[in-house]
Each structure stands twice: as structure tokens, then as C-alpha cells.
């Protein structure tokens, strides 16, 4: 049973890492849309990606088990998901410049930090960066 659970954990983490890679590529597209003045397209793509994190929220039992109970990363997970929630409000920002600033200064750094934690957990490392 334990080995099977470990295999399931590995499969989950691998799929989650692939999702994070997709989001990372999408964030580059969002920033491009905003820089080029295609604010509606950027907003739409950003919202779709942020809504995609719902199944991976801090309320998800698998996420809690892997990142909180096993690795002690509850605070990091909450910080990241708070930024994801804040990103859902980006369409209410007054300008494309504000959107770009948020993405560059808050969303991407938080995303990259969380992605690093996920990669470390998948690789079996448990120390925080």
C-alpha cells in the first residue's frame, strides 16, 4: 500500500509540475498581451489560468497531505494561493501598466518560488530554498 501511495504521489506531482510549466508559458503570453495593448486577451488568459488552480487549492486534501503534512509548507502554499486569488482581480486594475507591474513584481516571483518548492518535493528534497 505504501509503495502504491508513493507512486500515486509521484504521478500527482509530475502532473502538477506539468500544469505549472503550462502556466509559466501562459504568464509570458499574458505579459505580451498587456505590453501590446491587448488587455482583454491578457485578462481572459490570466483568469483562465488562475481558475485552473482551483483543483490545486490549499483546501485540496492531496495538496495538504503532500505540502503541509509531509513537507511543512503550509505557509508557503497559503502565500502562493493568496497571490493567485489576488491575480483574479487584475481585470479591475486601471491600466495595462498596473497589470504588468503586478505580474512582474508579485505573481511571477511568487509563482517561481512555489514552483521551486513543488520541484523539490517531487525530487525528494525537503529543505526550503
C-alpha atoms as a PDB file:
ATOM      1  CA  UNK A   1       0.000   0.000   0.000  1.00  0.00           C
ATOM      2  CA  UNK A   2       2.739   2.439   0.945  1.00  0.00           C
ATOM      3  CA  UNK A   3       4.612   1.947  -2.314  1.00  0.00           C
ATOM      4  CA  UNK A   4       1.420   2.384  -4.313  1.00  0.00           C
ATOM      5  CA  UNK A   5       0.684   5.608  -2.444  1.00  0.00           C
ATOM      6  CA  UNK A   6       4.185   6.835  -3.156  1.00  0.00           C
ATOM      7  CA  UNK A   7       3.684   6.069  -6.843  1.00  0.00           C
ATOM      8  CA  UNK A   8       0.377   7.956  -6.808  1.00  0.00           C
ATOM      9  CA  UNK A   9       2.080  10.896  -5.102  1.00  0.00           C
ATOM     10  CA  UNK A  10       4.783  10.917  -7.754  1.00  0.00           C
ATOM     11  CA  UNK A  11       2.214  10.836 -10.572  1.00  0.00           C
ATOM     12  CA  UNK A  12       0.280  13.688  -8.952  1.00  0.00           C
ATOM     13  CA  UNK A  13       3.425  15.798  -8.518  1.00  0.00           C
ATOM     14  CA  UNK A  14       4.537  15.128 -12.080  1.00  0.00           C
ATOM     15  CA  UNK A  15       1.157  16.234 -13.448  1.00  0.00           C
ATOM     16  CA  UNK A  16       1.120  19.279 -11.185  1.00  0.00           C
ATOM     17  CA  UNK A  17       4.604  20.229 -12.371  1.00  0.00           C
ATOM     18  CA  UNK A  18       3.419  19.959 -15.989  1.00  0.00           C
ATOM     19  CA  UNK A  19       0.492  22.242 -15.134  1.00  0.00           C
ATOM     20  CA  UNK A  20       2.905  24.736 -13.574  1.00  0.00           C
ATOM     21  CA  UNK A  21       5.039  24.646 -16.735  1.00  0.00           C
ATOM     22  CA  UNK A  22       1.948  25.397 -18.828  1.00  0.00           C
ATOM     23  CA  UNK A  23       1.059  28.306 -16.544  1.00  0.00           C
ATOM     24  CA  UNK A  24       4.609  29.641 -16.735  1.00  0.00           C
ATOM     25  CA  UNK A  25       4.395  29.731 -20.520  1.00  0.00           C
ATOM     26  CA  UNK A  26       0.955  31.311 -20.286  1.00  0.00           C
ATOM     27  CA  UNK A  27       2.206  34.083 -17.995  1.00  0.00           C
ATOM     28  CA  UNK A  28       4.685  35.083 -20.680  1.00  0.00           C
ATOM     29  CA  UNK A  29       1.784  35.317 -23.131  1.00  0.00           C
ATOM     30  CA  UNK A  30      -0.262  37.385 -20.680  1.00  0.00           C
ATOM     31  CA  UNK A  31       2.603  39.845 -20.225  1.00  0.00           C
ATOM     32  CA  UNK A  32       2.976  40.055 -24.019  1.00  0.00           C
ATOM     33  CA  UNK A  33      -0.742  40.789 -24.453  1.00  0.00           C
ATOM     34  CA  UNK A  34      -0.567  43.583 -21.891  1.00  0.00           C
ATOM     35  CA  UNK A  35       2.575  45.108 -23.418  1.00  0.00           C
ATOM     36  CA  UNK A  36       0.979  45.070 -26.863  1.00  0.00           C
ATOM     37  CA  UNK A  37      -2.241  46.676 -25.640  1.00  0.00           C
ATOM     38  CA  UNK A  38      -4.405  43.548 -25.884  1.00  0.00           C
ATOM     39  CA  UNK A  39      -5.664  43.962 -22.330  1.00  0.00           C
ATOM     40  CA  UNK A  40      -8.889  41.972 -22.764  1.00  0.00           C
ATOM     41  CA  UNK A  41      -6.996  38.978 -24.160  1.00  0.00           C
ATOM     42  CA  UNK A  42      -4.449  39.186 -21.347  1.00  0.00           C
ATOM     43  CA  UNK A  43      -7.174  39.411 -18.714  1.00  0.00           C
ATOM     44  CA  UNK A  44      -9.068  36.467 -20.188  1.00  0.00           C
ATOM     45  CA  UNK A  45      -5.987  34.229 -20.353  1.00  0.00           C
ATOM     46  CA  UNK A  46      -4.830  35.205 -16.866  1.00  0.00           C
ATOM     47  CA  UNK A  47      -8.249  34.482 -15.366  1.00  0.00           C
ATOM     48  CA  UNK A  48      -8.438  31.109 -17.107  1.00  0.00           C
ATOM     49  CA  UNK A  49      -5.039  30.132 -15.752  1.00  0.00           C
ATOM     50  CA  UNK A  50      -5.773  31.333 -12.219  1.00  0.00           C
ATOM     51  CA  UNK A  51      -9.109  29.492 -12.208  1.00  0.00           C
ATOM     52  CA  UNK A  52      -7.126  26.411 -13.220  1.00  0.00           C
ATOM     53  CA  UNK A  53      -5.505  26.439  -9.783  1.00  0.00           C
ATOM     54  CA  UNK A  54      -8.849  25.777  -8.073  1.00  0.00           C
ATOM     55  CA  UNK A  55      -8.412  21.976  -8.044  1.00  0.00           C
ATOM     56  CA  UNK A  56      -4.953  22.539  -6.524  1.00  0.00           C
ATOM     57  CA  UNK A  57      -6.056  24.927  -3.778  1.00  0.00           C
ATOM     58  CA  UNK A  58      -4.831  24.691  -0.214  1.00  0.00           C
ATOM     59  CA  UNK A  59      -8.187  23.022   0.596  1.00  0.00           C
ATOM     60  CA  UNK A  60      -7.374  20.055  -1.656  1.00  0.00           C
ATOM     61  CA  UNK A  61      -6.617  17.027   0.533  1.00  0.00           C
ATOM     62  CA  UNK A  62      -3.811  15.761  -1.689  1.00  0.00           C
ATOM     63  CA  UNK A  63      -2.155  19.184  -1.723  1.00  0.00           C
ATOM     64  CA  UNK A  64      -2.474  19.448   2.058  1.00  0.00           C
ATOM     65  CA  UNK A  65      -1.021  15.974   2.534  1.00  0.00           C
ATOM     66  CA  UNK A  66       1.937  16.444   0.189  1.00  0.00           C
ATOM     67  CA  UNK A  67       2.870  20.021   1.004  1.00  0.00           C
ATOM     68  CA  UNK A  68       1.611  20.599   4.547  1.00  0.00           C
ATOM     69  CA  UNK A  69       1.632  17.295   6.418  1.00  0.00           C
ATOM     70  CA  UNK A  70       4.664  15.751   4.728  1.00  0.00           C
ATOM     71  CA  UNK A  71       6.757  18.832   3.960  1.00  0.00           C
ATOM     72  CA  UNK A  72       5.620  21.584   6.331  1.00  0.00           C
ATOM     73  CA  UNK A  73       4.998  24.085   3.529  1.00  0.00           C
ATOM     74  CA  UNK A  74       1.597  25.333   4.657  1.00  0.00           C
ATOM     75  CA  UNK A  75       2.659  28.972   4.946  1.00  0.00           C
ATOM     76  CA  UNK A  76       4.293  28.908   1.508  1.00  0.00           C
ATOM     77  CA  UNK A  77       1.238  27.288  -0.054  1.00  0.00           C
ATOM     78  CA  UNK A  78      -1.099  29.845   1.533  1.00  0.00           C
ATOM     79  CA  UNK A  79       1.082  32.745   0.362  1.00  0.00           C
ATOM     80  CA  UNK A  80       1.072  31.416  -3.198  1.00  0.00           C
ATOM     81  CA  UNK A  81      -2.668  30.780  -3.284  1.00  0.00           C
ATOM     82  CA  UNK A  82      -3.306  34.261  -1.865  1.00  0.00           C
ATOM     83  CA  UNK A  83      -1.371  35.720  -4.810  1.00  0.00           C
ATOM     84  CA  UNK A  84      -3.382  33.524  -7.197  1.00  0.00           C
ATOM     85  CA  UNK A  85      -6.585  34.924  -5.682  1.00  0.00           C
ATOM     86  CA  UNK A  86      -5.242  38.469  -5.979  1.00  0.00           C
ATOM     87  CA  UNK A  87      -4.413  37.798  -9.646  1.00  0.00           C
ATOM     88  CA  UNK A  88      -8.084  37.057 -10.286  1.00  0.00           C
ATOM     89  CA  UNK A  89      -8.719  40.730  -9.521  1.00  0.00           C
ATOM     90  CA  UNK A  90      -6.273  42.018 -12.136  1.00  0.00           C
ATOM     91  CA  UNK A  91      -9.055  42.939 -14.605  1.00  0.00           C
ATOM     92  CA  UNK A  92     -10.138  45.616 -12.129  1.00  0.00           C
ATOM     93  CA  UNK A  93      -6.716  47.296 -12.317  1.00  0.00           C
ATOM     94  CA  UNK A  94      -6.852  50.700 -14.011  1.00  0.00           C
ATOM     95  CA  UNK A  95      -4.185  50.181 -16.667  1.00  0.00           C
ATOM     96  CA  UNK A  96      -2.067  47.690 -18.560  1.00  0.00           C
ATOM     97  CA  UNK A  97       0.967  49.127 -16.755  1.00  0.00           C
ATOM     98  CA  UNK A  98      -0.529  48.211 -13.360  1.00  0.00           C
ATOM     99  CA  UNK A  99      -1.253  44.718 -14.648  1.00  0.00           C
ATOM    100  CA  UNK A 100       2.307  44.286 -15.940  1.00  0.00           C
ATOM    101  CA  UNK A 101       3.722  45.586 -12.655  1.00  0.00           C
ATOM    102  CA  UNK A 102       1.636  43.108 -10.651  1.00  0.00           C
ATOM    103  CA  UNK A 103       2.662  40.209 -12.866  1.00  0.00           C
ATOM    104  CA  UNK A 104       6.354  41.141 -12.816  1.00  0.00           C
ATOM    105  CA  UNK A 105       6.654  42.107  -9.155  1.00  0.00           C
ATOM    106  CA  UNK A 106       4.188  39.803  -7.403  1.00  0.00           C
ATOM    107  CA  UNK A 107       2.742  36.986  -9.468  1.00  0.00           C
ATOM    108  CA  UNK A 108       5.821  35.704 -11.287  1.00  0.00           C
ATOM    109  CA  UNK A 109       8.153  35.831  -8.243  1.00  0.00           C
ATOM    110  CA  UNK A 110       5.553  34.070  -6.078  1.00  0.00           C
ATOM    111  CA  UNK A 111       4.855  31.557  -8.832  1.00  0.00           C
ATOM    112  CA  UNK A 112       8.546  30.784  -9.362  1.00  0.00           C
ATOM    113  CA  UNK A 113       9.120  30.338  -5.631  1.00  0.00           C
ATOM    114  CA  UNK A 114       6.174  27.948  -5.353  1.00  0.00           C
ATOM    115  CA  UNK A 115       7.258  26.051  -8.461  1.00  0.00           C
ATOM    116  CA  UNK A 116      10.695  25.559  -6.900  1.00  0.00           C
ATOM    117  CA  UNK A 117       9.094  24.090  -3.763  1.00  0.00           C
ATOM    118  CA  UNK A 118       6.990  21.740  -5.881  1.00  0.00           C
ATOM    119  CA  UNK A 119      10.048  20.597  -7.839  1.00  0.00           C
ATOM    120  CA  UNK A 120      11.942  19.979  -4.612  1.00  0.00           C
ATOM    121  CA  UNK A 121       9.102  17.924  -3.161  1.00  0.00           C
ATOM    122  CA  UNK A 122       8.867  15.912  -6.379  1.00  0.00           C
ATOM    123  CA  UNK A 123      12.619  15.358  -6.307  1.00  0.00           C
ATOM    124  CA  UNK A 124      12.552  14.245  -2.686  1.00  0.00           C
ATOM    125  CA  UNK A 125      14.281  17.328  -1.281  1.00  0.00           C
ATOM    126  CA  UNK A 126      12.646  18.819   1.788  1.00  0.00           C
ATOM    127  CA  UNK A 127      14.675  21.921   2.644  1.00  0.00           C
ATOM    128  CA  UNK A 128      13.168  25.315   1.859  1.00  0.00           C
ATOM    129  CA  UNK A 129      15.160  27.387  -0.647  1.00  0.00           C
END
